[in-house]
């Protein structure tokens, strides 16, 4: 199982970026998968976590700090998960990671049980 996050960069406040998480060794949509970030000097925090119950019962939870600005999508043909980030703020500056597990559902603490982590991609929001 491998994950590779990409798409980070420098963006002005109010700008947008789309991060990609390319997966191999498993099919995106079979197991819980999430986005996480770690800002300099801060603990890692969960950005999103998607549980797969099958069909319309699939669910993506989004952190309150990014609700309404960030959205998650999955392209099963490309076996890739995306994080669309709009109206970026300086406090969104962090290294962003994607992670997955062999469970289908996210735990209440999203990073609990996440066994496989990709290398992160740096997002810097600055004027």
N, C-alpha and C. Protein backbone atom coordinates (compact mmCIF):
# COMPACT_ATOMS: atom_id res chain seq x y z
N UNK A 1 0.86 -1.20 0.00
CA UNK A 1 0.00 0.00 0.00
C UNK A 1 0.88 1.24 0.00
N UNK A 2 0.62 2.12 -0.95
CA UNK A 2 1.37 3.37 -1.00
C UNK A 2 0.43 4.53 -1.30
N UNK A 3 0.76 5.66 -0.70
CA UNK A 3 0.02 6.89 -0.93
C UNK A 3 1.03 7.98 -1.25
N UNK A 4 0.67 8.86 -2.17
CA UNK A 4 1.55 9.98 -2.50
C UNK A 4 0.72 11.24 -2.64
N UNK A 5 0.94 12.16 -1.73
CA UNK A 5 0.25 13.45 -1.80
C UNK A 5 1.07 14.41 -2.66
N UNK A 6 0.38 15.24 -3.41
CA UNK A 6 1.04 16.24 -4.25
C UNK A 6 0.11 17.42 -4.46
N UNK A 7 0.65 18.49 -5.03
CA UNK A 7 -0.17 19.64 -5.36
C UNK A 7 0.03 20.84 -4.45
N UNK A 8 0.86 20.70 -3.45
CA UNK A 8 1.11 21.81 -2.56
C UNK A 8 1.89 22.93 -3.24
N UNK A 9 1.97 24.06 -2.54
CA UNK A 9 2.70 25.19 -3.09
C UNK A 9 2.43 26.44 -2.28
N UNK A 10 2.87 27.55 -2.83
CA UNK A 10 2.68 28.86 -2.21
C UNK A 10 1.46 29.53 -2.85
N UNK A 11 0.57 30.00 -2.01
CA UNK A 11 -0.64 30.67 -2.51
C UNK A 11 -0.95 31.86 -1.62
N UNK A 12 -1.53 32.89 -2.20
CA UNK A 12 -1.93 34.06 -1.43
C UNK A 12 -3.19 33.77 -0.63
N UNK A 13 -3.39 34.49 0.46
CA UNK A 13 -4.65 34.35 1.19
C UNK A 13 -5.84 34.59 0.27
N UNK A 14 -6.85 33.76 0.42
CA UNK A 14 -8.01 33.82 -0.45
C UNK A 14 -7.89 32.96 -1.70
N UNK A 15 -6.73 32.44 -1.94
CA UNK A 15 -6.51 31.62 -3.13
C UNK A 15 -6.95 30.18 -2.94
N UNK A 16 -6.72 29.39 -3.97
CA UNK A 16 -7.16 27.99 -3.97
C UNK A 16 -6.02 27.06 -4.40
N UNK A 17 -6.09 25.84 -3.94
CA UNK A 17 -5.20 24.77 -4.37
C UNK A 17 -5.99 23.48 -4.37
N UNK A 18 -5.57 22.55 -5.21
CA UNK A 18 -6.14 21.21 -5.15
C UNK A 18 -5.01 20.21 -4.93
N UNK A 19 -5.12 19.49 -3.83
CA UNK A 19 -4.15 18.44 -3.52
C UNK A 19 -4.66 17.11 -4.06
N UNK A 20 -3.72 16.27 -4.45
CA UNK A 20 -4.03 14.93 -4.91
C UNK A 20 -3.37 13.91 -4.00
N UNK A 21 -4.03 12.79 -3.83
CA UNK A 21 -3.47 11.66 -3.09
C UNK A 21 -3.61 10.44 -3.99
N UNK A 22 -2.52 10.07 -4.64
CA UNK A 22 -2.53 8.92 -5.53
C UNK A 22 -2.26 7.65 -4.74
N UNK A 23 -3.10 6.66 -4.92
CA UNK A 23 -3.00 5.42 -4.16
C UNK A 23 -2.57 4.26 -5.04
N UNK A 24 -1.84 3.34 -4.45
CA UNK A 24 -1.50 2.10 -5.13
C UNK A 24 -1.49 0.97 -4.10
N UNK A 25 -1.74 -0.22 -4.58
CA UNK A 25 -1.77 -1.38 -3.69
C UNK A 25 -3.12 -1.64 -3.07
N UNK A 26 -4.07 -0.77 -3.30
CA UNK A 26 -5.44 -0.96 -2.85
C UNK A 26 -6.33 -0.04 -3.69
N UNK A 27 -7.62 -0.24 -3.58
CA UNK A 27 -8.55 0.59 -4.34
C UNK A 27 -9.16 1.65 -3.44
N UNK A 28 -8.99 2.91 -3.83
CA UNK A 28 -9.64 3.99 -3.09
C UNK A 28 -11.15 3.76 -3.19
N UNK A 29 -11.80 3.80 -2.04
CA UNK A 29 -13.22 3.51 -1.99
C UNK A 29 -13.51 2.22 -1.27
N UNK A 30 -12.46 1.44 -0.98
CA UNK A 30 -12.63 0.21 -0.24
C UNK A 30 -12.40 0.40 1.25
N UNK A 31 -11.55 1.36 1.61
CA UNK A 31 -11.16 1.55 3.00
C UNK A 31 -11.21 3.02 3.38
N UNK A 32 -11.40 3.27 4.66
CA UNK A 32 -11.41 4.64 5.16
C UNK A 32 -10.12 5.34 4.76
N UNK A 33 -10.26 6.62 4.41
CA UNK A 33 -9.10 7.38 3.96
C UNK A 33 -9.28 8.82 4.38
N UNK A 34 -8.19 9.47 4.74
CA UNK A 34 -8.32 10.81 5.25
C UNK A 34 -7.19 11.74 4.85
N UNK A 35 -7.44 13.02 5.06
CA UNK A 35 -6.43 14.07 4.91
C UNK A 35 -6.09 14.59 6.31
N UNK A 36 -4.82 14.84 6.53
CA UNK A 36 -4.34 15.36 7.80
C UNK A 36 -3.33 16.46 7.49
N UNK A 37 -3.07 17.30 8.48
CA UNK A 37 -2.07 18.34 8.28
C UNK A 37 -1.33 18.60 9.58
N UNK A 38 -0.12 19.08 9.43
CA UNK A 38 0.68 19.46 10.59
C UNK A 38 1.37 20.77 10.30
N UNK A 39 1.00 21.77 11.07
CA UNK A 39 1.60 23.09 10.95
C UNK A 39 2.88 23.14 11.77
N UNK A 40 3.79 24.03 11.43
CA UNK A 40 5.05 24.14 12.19
C UNK A 40 4.78 24.37 13.67
N UNK A 41 5.37 23.55 14.49
CA UNK A 41 5.25 23.70 15.93
C UNK A 41 3.92 23.26 16.52
N UNK A 42 3.07 22.64 15.70
CA UNK A 42 1.76 22.21 16.18
C UNK A 42 1.58 20.71 16.00
N UNK A 43 0.60 20.18 16.70
CA UNK A 43 0.28 18.77 16.56
C UNK A 43 -0.46 18.53 15.24
N UNK A 44 -0.38 17.30 14.80
CA UNK A 44 -1.11 16.91 13.60
C UNK A 44 -2.61 17.00 13.87
N UNK A 45 -3.36 17.45 12.88
CA UNK A 45 -4.80 17.50 13.02
C UNK A 45 -5.47 16.88 11.79
N UNK A 46 -6.63 16.35 12.01
CA UNK A 46 -7.39 15.77 10.92
C UNK A 46 -8.12 16.85 10.14
N UNK A 47 -8.08 16.74 8.84
CA UNK A 47 -8.79 17.66 7.95
C UNK A 47 -10.09 17.01 7.46
N UNK A 48 -9.99 15.74 7.11
CA UNK A 48 -11.18 15.03 6.64
C UNK A 48 -10.98 13.54 6.85
N UNK A 49 -12.09 12.82 6.88
CA UNK A 49 -12.04 11.37 6.91
C UNK A 49 -13.26 10.82 6.21
N UNK A 50 -13.04 9.92 5.28
CA UNK A 50 -14.13 9.35 4.49
C UNK A 50 -14.30 7.88 4.85
N UNK A 51 -15.50 7.54 5.27
CA UNK A 51 -15.88 6.16 5.56
C UNK A 51 -16.67 5.60 4.38
N UNK A 52 -16.47 4.33 4.13
CA UNK A 52 -17.16 3.68 3.01
C UNK A 52 -18.06 2.57 3.54
N UNK A 53 -19.35 2.86 3.51
CA UNK A 53 -20.34 1.86 3.90
C UNK A 53 -20.99 1.22 2.69
N UNK A 54 -20.71 1.81 1.53
CA UNK A 54 -21.27 1.30 0.30
C UNK A 54 -22.31 2.25 -0.26
N UNK A 55 -22.07 2.72 -1.49
CA UNK A 55 -23.03 3.53 -2.20
C UNK A 55 -23.36 4.85 -1.52
N UNK A 56 -24.65 5.16 -1.38
CA UNK A 56 -25.05 6.46 -0.83
C UNK A 56 -24.71 6.63 0.64
N UNK A 57 -24.33 5.58 1.31
CA UNK A 57 -24.01 5.68 2.73
C UNK A 57 -22.56 6.03 2.98
N UNK A 58 -21.79 6.21 1.91
CA UNK A 58 -20.42 6.69 2.09
C UNK A 58 -20.49 8.08 2.70
N UNK A 59 -19.56 8.41 3.56
CA UNK A 59 -19.62 9.67 4.28
C UNK A 59 -18.26 10.29 4.45
N UNK A 60 -18.16 11.59 4.19
CA UNK A 60 -16.93 12.33 4.44
C UNK A 60 -17.19 13.36 5.53
N UNK A 61 -16.41 13.27 6.58
CA UNK A 61 -16.47 14.27 7.64
C UNK A 61 -15.36 15.29 7.41
N UNK A 62 -15.69 16.55 7.61
CA UNK A 62 -14.75 17.64 7.39
C UNK A 62 -14.55 18.38 8.72
N UNK A 63 -13.32 18.74 9.00
CA UNK A 63 -13.03 19.46 10.23
C UNK A 63 -13.72 20.81 10.25
N UNK A 64 -14.15 21.24 11.43
CA UNK A 64 -14.85 22.51 11.56
C UNK A 64 -13.99 23.68 11.04
N UNK A 65 -12.69 23.58 11.23
CA UNK A 65 -11.80 24.68 10.87
C UNK A 65 -11.75 24.92 9.36
N UNK A 66 -12.16 23.93 8.57
CA UNK A 66 -12.11 24.09 7.11
C UNK A 66 -13.46 23.87 6.47
N UNK A 67 -14.47 23.63 7.29
CA UNK A 67 -15.82 23.40 6.76
C UNK A 67 -16.27 24.58 5.91
N UNK A 68 -16.82 24.28 4.74
CA UNK A 68 -17.28 25.33 3.83
C UNK A 68 -16.21 25.85 2.91
N UNK A 69 -14.96 25.49 3.17
CA UNK A 69 -13.85 25.94 2.31
C UNK A 69 -13.16 24.77 1.61
N UNK A 70 -13.10 23.64 2.27
CA UNK A 70 -12.42 22.46 1.73
C UNK A 70 -13.44 21.39 1.37
N UNK A 71 -13.23 20.73 0.26
CA UNK A 71 -14.07 19.60 -0.11
C UNK A 71 -13.20 18.43 -0.58
N UNK A 72 -13.70 17.23 -0.37
CA UNK A 72 -12.99 16.01 -0.73
C UNK A 72 -13.74 15.32 -1.86
N UNK A 73 -12.99 14.82 -2.81
CA UNK A 73 -13.60 14.03 -3.87
C UNK A 73 -12.70 12.84 -4.17
N UNK A 74 -13.30 11.85 -4.80
CA UNK A 74 -12.57 10.62 -5.11
C UNK A 74 -12.84 10.24 -6.56
N UNK A 75 -11.77 9.95 -7.29
CA UNK A 75 -11.87 9.46 -8.66
C UNK A 75 -11.39 8.01 -8.65
N UNK A 76 -12.34 7.10 -8.68
CA UNK A 76 -11.98 5.69 -8.59
C UNK A 76 -11.24 5.22 -9.84
N UNK A 77 -11.53 5.84 -10.99
CA UNK A 77 -10.83 5.45 -12.22
C UNK A 77 -9.34 5.76 -12.12
N UNK A 78 -9.02 6.88 -11.47
CA UNK A 78 -7.62 7.26 -11.30
C UNK A 78 -7.06 6.79 -9.97
N UNK A 79 -7.91 6.15 -9.16
CA UNK A 79 -7.49 5.68 -7.83
C UNK A 79 -6.84 6.80 -7.02
N UNK A 80 -7.50 7.93 -7.03
CA UNK A 80 -6.94 9.14 -6.43
C UNK A 80 -8.01 9.87 -5.62
N UNK A 81 -7.59 10.42 -4.49
CA UNK A 81 -8.44 11.28 -3.67
C UNK A 81 -7.93 12.70 -3.81
N UNK A 82 -8.84 13.66 -3.82
CA UNK A 82 -8.48 15.06 -3.97
C UNK A 82 -8.96 15.86 -2.77
N UNK A 83 -8.26 16.94 -2.49
CA UNK A 83 -8.69 17.91 -1.49
C UNK A 83 -8.69 19.27 -2.17
N UNK A 84 -9.89 19.78 -2.45
CA UNK A 84 -10.02 21.11 -3.03
C UNK A 84 -10.07 22.12 -1.89
N UNK A 85 -9.13 23.04 -1.89
CA UNK A 85 -9.02 24.02 -0.82
C UNK A 85 -9.26 25.40 -1.39
N UNK A 86 -10.31 26.03 -0.94
CA UNK A 86 -10.66 27.38 -1.40
C UNK A 86 -10.57 28.37 -0.24
N UNK A 87 -10.49 29.64 -0.59
CA UNK A 87 -10.42 30.71 0.41
C UNK A 87 -9.38 30.40 1.48
N UNK A 88 -8.19 30.07 1.03
CA UNK A 88 -7.14 29.67 1.95
C UNK A 88 -6.72 30.81 2.86
N UNK A 89 -6.36 30.45 4.08
CA UNK A 89 -5.96 31.40 5.10
C UNK A 89 -4.54 31.08 5.55
N UNK A 90 -3.84 32.06 6.10
CA UNK A 90 -2.47 31.78 6.58
C UNK A 90 -2.43 30.62 7.57
N UNK A 91 -3.47 30.45 8.36
CA UNK A 91 -3.49 29.36 9.34
C UNK A 91 -3.66 27.98 8.71
N UNK A 92 -3.90 27.94 7.39
CA UNK A 92 -3.94 26.66 6.68
C UNK A 92 -2.54 26.18 6.28
N UNK A 93 -1.55 27.02 6.51
CA UNK A 93 -0.17 26.64 6.20
C UNK A 93 0.23 25.40 7.00
N UNK A 94 0.65 24.36 6.29
CA UNK A 94 0.99 23.09 6.94
C UNK A 94 1.49 22.12 5.89
N UNK A 95 2.06 21.04 6.38
CA UNK A 95 2.32 19.88 5.51
C UNK A 95 1.06 19.01 5.55
N UNK A 96 0.55 18.69 4.39
CA UNK A 96 -0.68 17.91 4.27
C UNK A 96 -0.34 16.48 3.89
N UNK A 97 -0.98 15.55 4.58
CA UNK A 97 -0.76 14.12 4.36
C UNK A 97 -2.08 13.42 4.08
N UNK A 98 -2.02 12.34 3.32
CA UNK A 98 -3.17 11.46 3.23
C UNK A 98 -2.79 10.12 3.88
N UNK A 99 -3.78 9.45 4.39
CA UNK A 99 -3.55 8.21 5.11
C UNK A 99 -4.75 7.29 4.95
N UNK A 100 -4.50 5.99 5.12
CA UNK A 100 -5.59 5.03 4.98
C UNK A 100 -5.37 3.86 5.93
N UNK A 101 -6.37 3.04 6.02
CA UNK A 101 -6.38 1.91 6.93
C UNK A 101 -7.14 0.77 6.25
N UNK A 102 -7.08 -0.42 6.81
CA UNK A 102 -7.87 -1.51 6.27
C UNK A 102 -9.25 -1.61 6.90
N UNK A 103 -9.63 -0.62 7.71
CA UNK A 103 -11.01 -0.52 8.18
C UNK A 103 -11.82 0.26 7.15
N UNK A 104 -13.11 0.00 7.10
CA UNK A 104 -13.96 0.74 6.16
C UNK A 104 -14.47 2.04 6.76
N UNK A 105 -14.46 2.12 8.10
CA UNK A 105 -15.03 3.28 8.76
C UNK A 105 -13.96 4.05 9.50
N UNK A 106 -14.16 5.37 9.57
CA UNK A 106 -13.27 6.22 10.34
C UNK A 106 -13.60 6.08 11.82
N UNK A 107 -12.58 6.15 12.65
CA UNK A 107 -12.80 6.22 14.07
C UNK A 107 -13.14 7.66 14.46
N UNK A 108 -13.65 7.83 15.68
CA UNK A 108 -13.98 9.19 16.12
C UNK A 108 -12.73 10.07 16.14
N UNK A 109 -11.62 9.50 16.51
CA UNK A 109 -10.32 10.17 16.34
C UNK A 109 -9.78 9.70 15.01
N UNK A 110 -9.80 10.54 14.03
CA UNK A 110 -9.59 10.10 12.66
C UNK A 110 -8.27 9.42 12.40
N UNK A 111 -7.22 9.83 13.09
CA UNK A 111 -5.93 9.24 12.77
C UNK A 111 -5.71 7.91 13.50
N UNK A 112 -6.65 7.56 14.39
CA UNK A 112 -6.54 6.29 15.08
C UNK A 112 -6.72 5.15 14.08
N UNK A 113 -5.78 4.26 14.04
CA UNK A 113 -5.91 3.12 13.15
C UNK A 113 -5.42 3.36 11.74
N UNK A 114 -5.06 4.61 11.41
CA UNK A 114 -4.52 4.87 10.08
C UNK A 114 -3.14 4.23 10.01
N UNK A 115 -3.00 3.23 9.18
CA UNK A 115 -1.77 2.46 9.14
C UNK A 115 -0.79 2.92 8.08
N UNK A 116 -1.31 3.50 7.02
CA UNK A 116 -0.47 3.82 5.88
C UNK A 116 -0.53 5.32 5.61
N UNK A 117 0.64 5.93 5.57
CA UNK A 117 0.75 7.37 5.41
C UNK A 117 1.62 7.67 4.20
N UNK A 118 1.18 8.65 3.43
CA UNK A 118 2.00 9.10 2.32
C UNK A 118 2.95 10.19 2.77
N UNK A 119 3.92 10.47 1.93
CA UNK A 119 4.76 11.63 2.17
C UNK A 119 3.91 12.88 1.98
N UNK A 120 4.14 13.86 2.77
CA UNK A 120 3.31 15.05 2.74
C UNK A 120 3.66 16.00 1.63
N UNK A 121 2.78 16.97 1.47
CA UNK A 121 3.01 18.06 0.52
C UNK A 121 2.78 19.38 1.26
N UNK A 122 3.69 20.32 1.08
CA UNK A 122 3.66 21.56 1.84
C UNK A 122 2.76 22.59 1.18
N UNK A 123 1.87 23.14 1.97
CA UNK A 123 1.01 24.25 1.54
C UNK A 123 1.39 25.47 2.36
N UNK A 124 1.74 26.54 1.68
CA UNK A 124 2.09 27.78 2.35
C UNK A 124 1.15 28.87 1.87
N UNK A 125 0.45 29.48 2.81
CA UNK A 125 -0.48 30.56 2.49
C UNK A 125 0.10 31.85 3.06
N UNK A 126 0.51 32.71 2.17
CA UNK A 126 1.20 33.92 2.61
C UNK A 126 1.08 35.00 1.54
N UNK A 127 1.02 36.23 2.01
CA UNK A 127 1.00 37.35 1.08
C UNK A 127 2.42 37.83 0.79
